[in-house]
N, C-alpha and C. Protein backbone atom coordinates (compact mmCIF):
# COMPACT_ATOMS: atom_id res chain seq x y z
N MET A 1 0.59 -0.94 -0.13
CA MET A 1 0.02 0.04 0.16
C MET A 1 0.63 1.35 0.18
N LYS A 2 0.56 1.98 -1.04
CA LYS A 2 1.37 3.38 -0.96
C LYS A 2 1.01 4.40 -0.31
N LEU A 3 1.59 5.61 0.34
CA LEU A 3 0.89 6.65 1.20
C LEU A 3 1.57 7.89 0.63
N ARG A 4 0.46 8.74 -0.05
CA ARG A 4 0.89 10.23 -0.66
C ARG A 4 0.18 10.96 0.19
N LEU A 5 0.89 12.18 0.65
CA LEU A 5 0.48 13.22 1.25
C LEU A 5 1.03 14.66 0.78
N GLU A 6 -0.39 15.60 0.73
CA GLU A 6 -0.15 16.44 -0.01
C GLU A 6 -0.59 17.88 0.86
N GLN A 7 0.48 18.86 0.96
CA GLN A 7 -0.13 20.00 1.70
C GLN A 7 -0.60 21.27 0.73
N ILE A 8 -1.73 21.60 1.23
CA ILE A 8 -2.65 22.59 0.65
C ILE A 8 -2.66 23.81 1.22
N SER A 9 -2.68 25.01 0.55
CA SER A 9 -2.69 26.10 1.15
C SER A 9 -4.14 26.62 1.43
N GLU A 10 -5.10 26.14 0.82
CA GLU A 10 -6.43 26.35 0.83
C GLU A 10 -7.33 25.60 0.50
N GLY A 11 -8.50 25.64 0.65
CA GLY A 11 -9.46 24.75 0.44
C GLY A 11 -9.82 23.87 1.23
N ASP A 12 -10.69 22.53 1.02
CA ASP A 12 -10.90 21.63 2.42
C ASP A 12 -9.98 20.48 2.10
N GLU A 13 -9.55 20.15 3.33
CA GLU A 13 -9.26 18.84 3.42
C GLU A 13 -9.82 17.76 3.35
N GLU A 14 -9.13 16.63 2.24
CA GLU A 14 -10.08 15.14 1.79
C GLU A 14 -8.86 14.33 2.29
N VAL A 15 -9.30 13.39 2.30
CA VAL A 15 -8.89 11.98 2.31
C VAL A 15 -9.63 10.98 1.18
N ILE A 16 -8.81 10.47 0.35
CA ILE A 16 -9.17 9.59 -0.80
C ILE A 16 -8.48 8.53 -0.58
N VAL A 17 -9.16 7.16 -0.36
CA VAL A 17 -8.56 5.80 -0.20
C VAL A 17 -9.21 5.05 -1.27
N ARG A 18 -8.09 4.69 -2.04
CA ARG A 18 -8.49 3.84 -3.21
C ARG A 18 -7.76 2.40 -2.90
N TYR A 19 -8.91 1.22 -3.03
CA TYR A 19 -8.67 0.13 -2.81
C TYR A 19 -9.38 -1.07 -3.85
N ARG A 20 -8.93 -2.10 -3.70
CA ARG A 20 -9.39 -3.04 -4.51
C ARG A 20 -10.40 -3.94 -3.87
N GLN A 21 -10.14 -4.23 -2.52
CA GLN A 21 -10.80 -4.92 -2.08
C GLN A 21 -11.15 -4.62 0.01
N MET A 22 -11.96 -4.50 0.42
CA MET A 22 -12.27 -3.99 1.94
C MET A 22 -11.43 -4.88 2.46
N THR A 23 -10.31 -4.69 3.09
CA THR A 23 -9.45 -5.39 4.05
C THR A 23 -9.54 -4.55 5.61
N PRO A 24 -8.97 -5.49 6.69
CA PRO A 24 -9.46 -4.98 7.63
C PRO A 24 -8.14 -3.61 8.03
N THR A 25 -7.54 -3.60 7.25
CA THR A 25 -6.48 -2.31 7.03
C THR A 25 -7.51 -0.89 6.73
N VAL A 26 -7.95 -1.47 5.64
CA VAL A 26 -8.75 -0.25 4.86
C VAL A 26 -9.65 -0.02 5.87
N GLN A 27 -10.32 -0.80 6.39
CA GLN A 27 -11.71 -0.38 7.35
C GLN A 27 -11.24 0.37 8.92
N ALA A 28 -10.02 -0.11 8.92
CA ALA A 28 -9.57 0.45 10.05
C ALA A 28 -9.37 1.98 9.93
N ILE A 29 -8.53 2.45 8.94
CA ILE A 29 -8.30 3.73 8.18
C ILE A 29 -9.53 4.50 8.18
N SER A 30 -10.85 3.88 7.58
CA SER A 30 -12.21 4.66 7.24
C SER A 30 -12.78 4.52 8.71
N ASP A 31 -12.64 3.49 9.69
CA ASP A 31 -13.12 3.92 10.85
C ASP A 31 -12.28 4.98 11.67
N LEU A 32 -10.96 5.04 11.78
CA LEU A 32 -10.21 6.29 11.98
C LEU A 32 -10.96 7.61 11.80
N LEU A 33 -10.64 7.48 10.66
CA LEU A 33 -11.07 9.06 9.79
C LEU A 33 -12.34 9.30 10.30
N ALA A 34 -13.42 8.44 10.24
CA ALA A 34 -15.07 8.78 10.87
C ALA A 34 -14.98 9.10 12.05
N ALA A 35 -14.08 8.35 12.90
CA ALA A 35 -14.02 8.47 14.37
C ALA A 35 -13.47 10.09 15.08
N GLU A 36 -12.67 10.41 13.84
CA GLU A 36 -12.20 11.76 14.28
C GLU A 36 -13.46 12.82 14.15
N GLN A 37 -14.49 12.59 13.41
CA GLN A 37 -15.51 13.44 13.26
C GLN A 37 -16.61 13.15 14.14
N GLU A 38 -16.58 11.92 14.97
CA GLU A 38 -17.59 12.08 15.74
C GLU A 38 -17.38 12.91 17.18
N LYS A 39 -18.43 13.27 17.80
CA LYS A 39 -18.30 13.83 19.13
C LYS A 39 -19.43 13.72 20.00
N ILE A 40 -18.74 13.51 21.18
CA ILE A 40 -19.86 13.57 22.43
C ILE A 40 -20.00 14.88 23.34
N LEU A 41 -21.30 15.37 23.39
CA LEU A 41 -21.40 16.55 24.30
C LEU A 41 -21.13 16.09 25.83
N GLY A 42 -20.25 16.95 26.64
CA GLY A 42 -20.02 16.38 27.83
C GLY A 42 -20.03 17.51 28.64
N ARG A 43 -20.35 17.65 29.93
CA ARG A 43 -20.64 18.45 31.05
C ARG A 43 -20.19 18.40 32.11
N ASN A 44 -19.27 19.28 32.85
CA ASN A 44 -18.66 19.28 34.05
C ASN A 44 -18.79 20.58 34.81
N ASP A 45 -18.20 20.80 35.72
CA ASP A 45 -18.41 21.93 36.64
C ASP A 45 -18.14 23.19 35.89
N GLN A 46 -16.97 23.16 34.88
CA GLN A 46 -16.72 24.18 34.06
C GLN A 46 -17.43 24.63 32.73
N GLY A 47 -18.72 23.82 32.48
CA GLY A 47 -19.44 24.03 31.48
C GLY A 47 -19.61 22.68 30.80
N GLU A 48 -20.14 23.16 29.34
CA GLU A 48 -19.98 21.84 28.33
C GLU A 48 -19.17 21.98 27.19
N ARG A 49 -18.90 20.92 26.81
CA ARG A 49 -17.78 20.78 25.78
C ARG A 49 -17.89 19.30 24.81
N TYR A 50 -17.40 19.71 23.74
CA TYR A 50 -17.31 18.34 22.84
C TYR A 50 -16.40 17.56 23.08
N LEU A 51 -16.74 15.97 23.45
CA LEU A 51 -15.36 15.14 23.69
C LEU A 51 -14.91 14.59 22.12
N LEU A 52 -14.15 14.53 21.75
CA LEU A 52 -13.83 13.82 20.55
C LEU A 52 -13.71 12.34 21.15
N LEU A 53 -14.11 11.40 20.41
CA LEU A 53 -13.98 10.03 20.69
C LEU A 53 -12.86 9.71 20.82
N ASP A 54 -11.69 10.04 20.08
CA ASP A 54 -10.40 9.66 20.45
C ASP A 54 -9.69 9.89 21.84
N ASP A 55 -10.48 11.16 22.25
CA ASP A 55 -9.78 11.58 23.65
C ASP A 55 -10.44 10.57 24.62
N ILE A 56 -11.45 9.81 24.69
CA ILE A 56 -12.36 9.27 25.40
C ILE A 56 -11.63 7.75 26.09
N LEU A 57 -11.28 7.88 27.27
CA LEU A 57 -10.39 6.27 27.70
C LEU A 57 -11.32 5.34 28.11
N TYR A 58 -12.85 5.88 28.37
CA TYR A 58 -13.82 4.90 28.96
C TYR A 58 -14.91 5.58 29.43
N ILE A 59 -16.08 4.94 29.28
CA ILE A 59 -17.20 5.39 29.54
C ILE A 59 -17.95 4.66 31.08
N GLU A 60 -18.29 5.20 31.84
CA GLU A 60 -18.84 4.29 32.71
C GLU A 60 -20.36 5.19 33.44
N SER A 61 -21.08 3.95 33.91
CA SER A 61 -22.56 4.43 34.34
C SER A 61 -22.45 3.67 35.86
N VAL A 62 -22.73 5.42 36.57
CA VAL A 62 -22.68 5.19 38.03
C VAL A 62 -23.70 6.01 38.66
N ASP A 63 -24.44 5.23 39.52
CA ASP A 63 -25.67 5.90 40.08
C ASP A 63 -27.19 6.26 38.81
N SER A 64 -27.04 5.54 37.71
CA SER A 64 -27.97 5.89 36.77
C SER A 64 -27.57 7.29 36.19
N ARG A 65 -26.34 7.51 36.17
CA ARG A 65 -25.61 8.54 35.33
C ARG A 65 -24.53 7.87 34.69
N THR A 66 -24.39 8.45 33.55
CA THR A 66 -23.28 8.23 32.47
C THR A 66 -21.75 9.18 32.33
N PHE A 67 -20.70 8.89 32.53
CA PHE A 67 -19.80 9.59 32.63
C PHE A 67 -18.61 9.14 31.18
N ALA A 68 -18.10 10.26 30.86
CA ALA A 68 -17.16 10.09 30.20
C ALA A 68 -15.52 10.21 30.68
N TYR A 69 -14.58 9.38 30.76
CA TYR A 69 -13.31 9.96 31.25
C TYR A 69 -12.24 10.28 30.20
N THR A 70 -11.79 11.15 30.52
CA THR A 70 -10.59 11.60 29.45
C THR A 70 -9.42 11.82 30.08
N ASP A 71 -8.41 12.28 29.67
CA ASP A 71 -6.94 12.65 30.17
C ASP A 71 -7.19 13.96 30.95
N ARG A 72 -8.34 14.76 30.33
CA ARG A 72 -8.51 16.33 31.06
C ARG A 72 -9.52 16.19 32.11
N GLY A 73 -10.28 15.48 32.24
CA GLY A 73 -11.25 15.27 33.13
C GLY A 73 -12.43 14.21 33.07
N ILE A 74 -13.54 14.27 34.02
CA ILE A 74 -14.61 13.61 33.61
C ILE A 74 -15.63 14.35 33.46
N TYR A 75 -16.69 13.68 32.64
CA TYR A 75 -17.68 14.59 32.02
C TYR A 75 -18.76 13.60 32.19
N GLN A 76 -20.21 14.25 32.50
CA GLN A 76 -21.32 13.90 32.59
C GLN A 76 -21.95 13.64 30.92
N ILE A 77 -22.66 12.51 30.34
CA ILE A 77 -23.03 12.68 29.10
C ILE A 77 -24.63 12.01 29.33
N THR A 78 -25.33 12.70 28.12
CA THR A 78 -26.72 12.36 28.49
C THR A 78 -27.01 10.88 27.96
N ALA A 79 -26.62 10.17 27.37
CA ALA A 79 -26.91 9.11 26.14
C ALA A 79 -26.37 8.13 27.52
N SER A 80 -27.14 6.76 27.06
CA SER A 80 -27.10 5.57 28.13
C SER A 80 -25.87 5.03 27.97
N LEU A 81 -25.44 4.06 28.64
CA LEU A 81 -24.06 3.23 28.35
C LEU A 81 -24.46 2.46 27.24
N SER A 82 -25.79 1.71 27.24
CA SER A 82 -26.37 0.62 26.03
C SER A 82 -26.13 1.31 25.12
N GLN A 83 -26.67 2.82 24.82
CA GLN A 83 -26.58 3.53 23.47
C GLN A 83 -25.05 3.70 23.05
N LEU A 84 -24.56 4.12 23.93
CA LEU A 84 -23.05 4.50 23.59
C LEU A 84 -22.46 3.35 23.21
N ALA A 85 -22.64 2.12 23.67
CA ALA A 85 -21.64 0.97 23.08
C ALA A 85 -21.89 0.27 21.89
N GLU A 86 -23.43 0.43 21.41
CA GLU A 86 -23.89 -0.01 20.32
C GLU A 86 -23.52 0.90 19.10
N ARG A 87 -23.53 2.30 19.54
CA ARG A 87 -23.44 3.29 18.50
C ARG A 87 -22.10 3.36 18.17
N TYR A 88 -21.17 3.27 19.16
CA TYR A 88 -19.62 3.49 18.82
C TYR A 88 -18.79 2.43 18.94
N ARG A 89 -19.58 1.25 18.91
CA ARG A 89 -18.80 -0.18 18.85
C ARG A 89 -17.82 -0.22 17.64
N ARG A 90 -18.04 0.40 16.44
CA ARG A 90 -16.95 0.34 15.55
C ARG A 90 -16.15 1.35 15.29
N HIS A 91 -15.84 1.95 16.35
CA HIS A 91 -14.93 3.06 16.55
C HIS A 91 -14.00 2.55 17.72
N GLY A 92 -13.96 1.27 18.21
CA GLY A 92 -13.12 0.71 19.08
C GLY A 92 -13.76 0.69 20.59
N PHE A 93 -14.98 0.93 20.84
CA PHE A 93 -15.76 1.00 22.13
C PHE A 93 -16.05 -0.19 22.40
N PHE A 94 -15.58 -0.78 23.54
CA PHE A 94 -16.12 -2.29 24.00
C PHE A 94 -16.92 -2.13 25.01
N ARG A 95 -17.67 -3.19 25.46
CA ARG A 95 -18.25 -3.24 26.64
C ARG A 95 -17.63 -4.04 27.44
N CYS A 96 -16.79 -3.75 28.34
CA CYS A 96 -15.83 -4.52 29.13
C CYS A 96 -16.74 -5.15 30.70
N ALA A 97 -17.64 -4.64 31.06
CA ALA A 97 -18.23 -4.67 32.19
C ALA A 97 -19.80 -4.37 32.31
N LYS A 98 -20.88 -4.85 33.21
CA LYS A 98 -21.90 -4.29 33.25
C LYS A 98 -22.18 -2.65 33.04
N ALA A 99 -21.43 -1.87 33.81
CA ALA A 99 -21.42 -0.50 33.94
C ALA A 99 -20.10 0.10 33.29
N MET A 100 -19.48 -0.62 32.24
CA MET A 100 -18.57 -0.11 31.67
C MET A 100 -18.40 -0.46 30.18
N VAL A 101 -17.91 0.90 29.21
CA VAL A 101 -17.34 0.83 28.33
C VAL A 101 -15.71 1.07 27.80
N VAL A 102 -14.95 0.76 27.52
CA VAL A 102 -13.86 0.95 27.18
C VAL A 102 -13.39 1.16 25.76
N ASN A 103 -12.38 2.24 25.51
CA ASN A 103 -12.12 2.81 24.46
C ASN A 103 -10.69 1.62 24.00
N ILE A 104 -11.05 0.65 23.22
CA ILE A 104 -9.81 -0.44 22.90
C ILE A 104 -8.52 0.08 22.47
N TYR A 105 -8.72 0.91 21.78
CA TYR A 105 -7.32 1.94 21.29
C TYR A 105 -6.97 2.64 22.32
N LYS A 106 -7.28 3.06 23.39
CA LYS A 106 -6.46 3.35 24.70
C LYS A 106 -5.83 2.75 25.47
N ILE A 107 -6.02 0.85 25.39
CA ILE A 107 -5.31 0.31 26.15
C ILE A 107 -4.10 -0.06 25.89
N HIS A 108 -3.12 -0.02 26.91
CA HIS A 108 -1.64 -0.09 26.80
C HIS A 108 -1.23 -1.57 26.70
N SER A 109 -1.71 -1.97 27.77
CA SER A 109 -1.45 -3.73 28.01
C SER A 109 -2.45 -4.22 28.75
N PHE A 110 -2.39 -5.78 28.50
CA PHE A 110 -3.22 -6.54 29.40
C PHE A 110 -2.40 -7.63 30.27
N GLN A 111 -3.24 -7.87 31.19
CA GLN A 111 -2.68 -8.82 32.43
C GLN A 111 -3.96 -9.85 32.86
N SER A 112 -3.83 -10.93 32.63
CA SER A 112 -4.93 -12.14 33.09
C SER A 112 -4.80 -11.97 34.38
N GLN A 113 -6.23 -12.36 34.82
CA GLN A 113 -6.56 -12.27 36.18
C GLN A 113 -7.13 -13.17 36.47
N ALA A 114 -7.39 -13.57 38.29
CA ALA A 114 -7.95 -14.94 38.38
C ALA A 114 -9.55 -14.87 38.21
N TYR A 115 -10.00 -15.45 38.01
CA TYR A 115 -11.39 -16.15 37.45
C TYR A 115 -11.72 -15.42 36.22
N GLY A 116 -10.67 -15.58 35.08
CA GLY A 116 -11.21 -15.31 33.97
C GLY A 116 -11.31 -13.91 33.75
N ARG A 117 -11.09 -12.99 34.62
CA ARG A 117 -10.96 -11.80 34.45
C ARG A 117 -9.50 -11.09 33.80
N ILE A 118 -9.45 -9.99 33.19
CA ILE A 118 -8.29 -9.58 32.49
C ILE A 118 -8.46 -8.08 32.78
N GLU A 119 -7.11 -7.49 33.37
CA GLU A 119 -6.72 -6.03 33.70
C GLU A 119 -6.14 -5.57 32.83
N ALA A 120 -6.70 -4.27 32.25
CA ALA A 120 -6.22 -3.47 30.98
C ALA A 120 -5.72 -1.85 31.72
N THR A 121 -4.77 -2.04 31.17
CA THR A 121 -3.74 -0.68 31.46
C THR A 121 -4.13 0.15 30.56
N LEU A 122 -4.61 1.71 30.94
CA LEU A 122 -4.76 2.69 29.93
C LEU A 122 -3.38 3.27 29.45
N ASP A 123 -3.64 3.97 28.07
CA ASP A 123 -2.50 5.14 28.08
C ASP A 123 -1.98 5.91 29.21
N ASN A 124 -3.09 5.96 29.98
CA ASN A 124 -2.54 7.21 31.18
C ASN A 124 -2.16 6.14 32.32
N GLY A 125 -2.26 5.19 32.33
CA GLY A 125 -1.57 4.23 33.64
C GLY A 125 -3.11 3.58 34.16
N GLU A 126 -4.47 4.28 34.08
CA GLU A 126 -5.39 4.00 34.84
C GLU A 126 -5.50 2.43 34.70
N ARG A 127 -6.07 1.95 35.49
CA ARG A 127 -6.03 0.35 35.55
C ARG A 127 -7.89 -0.16 35.26
N VAL A 128 -8.23 -0.84 34.39
CA VAL A 128 -9.93 -1.25 34.41
C VAL A 128 -9.87 -2.51 34.20
N LEU A 129 -11.08 -3.16 35.12
CA LEU A 129 -10.81 -4.82 34.96
C LEU A 129 -12.08 -5.02 33.65
N ILE A 130 -12.13 -6.17 33.03
CA ILE A 130 -12.84 -6.27 32.17
C ILE A 130 -13.43 -8.08 33.01
N SER A 131 -14.76 -7.93 32.86
CA SER A 131 -15.37 -8.82 33.39
C SER A 131 -15.17 -10.19 32.73
N ARG A 132 -15.21 -11.16 33.53
CA ARG A 132 -15.13 -12.55 33.17
C ARG A 132 -16.63 -12.71 31.67
N LYS A 133 -17.63 -12.14 32.18
CA LYS A 133 -18.59 -12.18 31.11
C LYS A 133 -18.03 -11.71 29.58
N TYR A 134 -17.05 -10.66 29.77
CA TYR A 134 -16.76 -10.11 28.54
C TYR A 134 -15.26 -10.39 28.23
N ALA A 135 -14.66 -10.97 28.76
CA ALA A 135 -13.09 -11.31 28.75
C ALA A 135 -13.04 -12.11 27.24
N ASN A 136 -13.50 -13.28 27.05
CA ASN A 136 -13.56 -13.95 25.85
C ASN A 136 -13.91 -12.97 24.55
N LYS A 137 -14.80 -12.40 24.73
CA LYS A 137 -15.44 -11.44 23.52
C LYS A 137 -14.24 -10.53 23.19
N LEU A 138 -13.74 -10.09 24.15
CA LEU A 138 -12.43 -9.07 24.14
C LEU A 138 -11.38 -9.81 23.41
N ARG A 139 -11.32 -10.93 23.98
CA ARG A 139 -10.08 -11.70 23.05
C ARG A 139 -10.37 -11.82 21.67
N GLN A 140 -11.56 -12.40 21.31
CA GLN A 140 -12.10 -12.60 19.85
C GLN A 140 -12.01 -11.35 19.10
N VAL A 141 -12.49 -9.81 19.64
CA VAL A 141 -12.07 -8.53 19.02
C VAL A 141 -10.70 -8.60 18.76
N LEU A 142 -9.98 -8.75 19.75
CA LEU A 142 -8.58 -8.28 19.26
C LEU A 142 -7.75 -9.43 18.25
N GLN A 143 -8.45 -10.75 18.12
CA GLN A 143 -7.84 -11.68 17.31
C GLN A 143 -8.23 -11.13 16.03
N GLU A 144 -9.36 -10.62 15.68
CA GLU A 144 -10.48 -11.00 14.40
C GLU A 144 -10.42 -9.44 14.15
N GLY A 145 -10.51 -8.33 14.96
CA GLY A 145 -10.82 -7.11 14.62
C GLY A 145 -12.12 -6.97 14.85
N ILE A 146 -12.76 -5.66 14.97
CA ILE A 146 -13.72 -4.81 15.13
C ILE A 146 -14.90 -5.23 14.16
N LYS A 147 -16.19 -5.87 14.26
CA LYS A 147 -16.85 -6.12 13.11
C LYS A 147 -18.12 -5.76 13.83
N ASP A 148 -19.29 -5.42 13.04
CA ASP A 148 -20.64 -5.23 13.22
C ASP A 148 -21.52 -6.51 13.58
N GLU A 149 -22.12 -6.34 14.70
CA GLU A 149 -22.94 -7.66 15.33
C GLU A 149 -24.49 -7.28 14.85
N ASP A 150 -24.37 -7.09 13.45
CA ASP A 150 -26.19 -7.34 13.19
C ASP A 150 -26.62 -8.57 12.96
């Protein structure tokens, strides 16, 4: 696969990907570019701001409220955890526990734990547990890549 970059002085930026067959690599490139445009509105004590999907480490449900965790802080979001897990699955968000969705692109390393669980260390050093119920699915996703579950 060849890569060609051109810097432009004006006009809209665009990315054109030419391919013969949709491969996991081409799909990953497409997903990455699509994810860059996706944003979630989050709120904290300083006000509201749009969060890029790429900035979100994980999303957690606590006391019937949903929070997105980033390197810059914690933001409450209005969508439910189930809605977010479904909507952003193709962008690397994986349901890792009943009350948590993790961005698999932000996982730095894995460590097997007792009772079939997996401990994931995120890029910022924070650790999250992948419950036994979701551990096998995570292994499958990591081996086969992210797919739609229609």
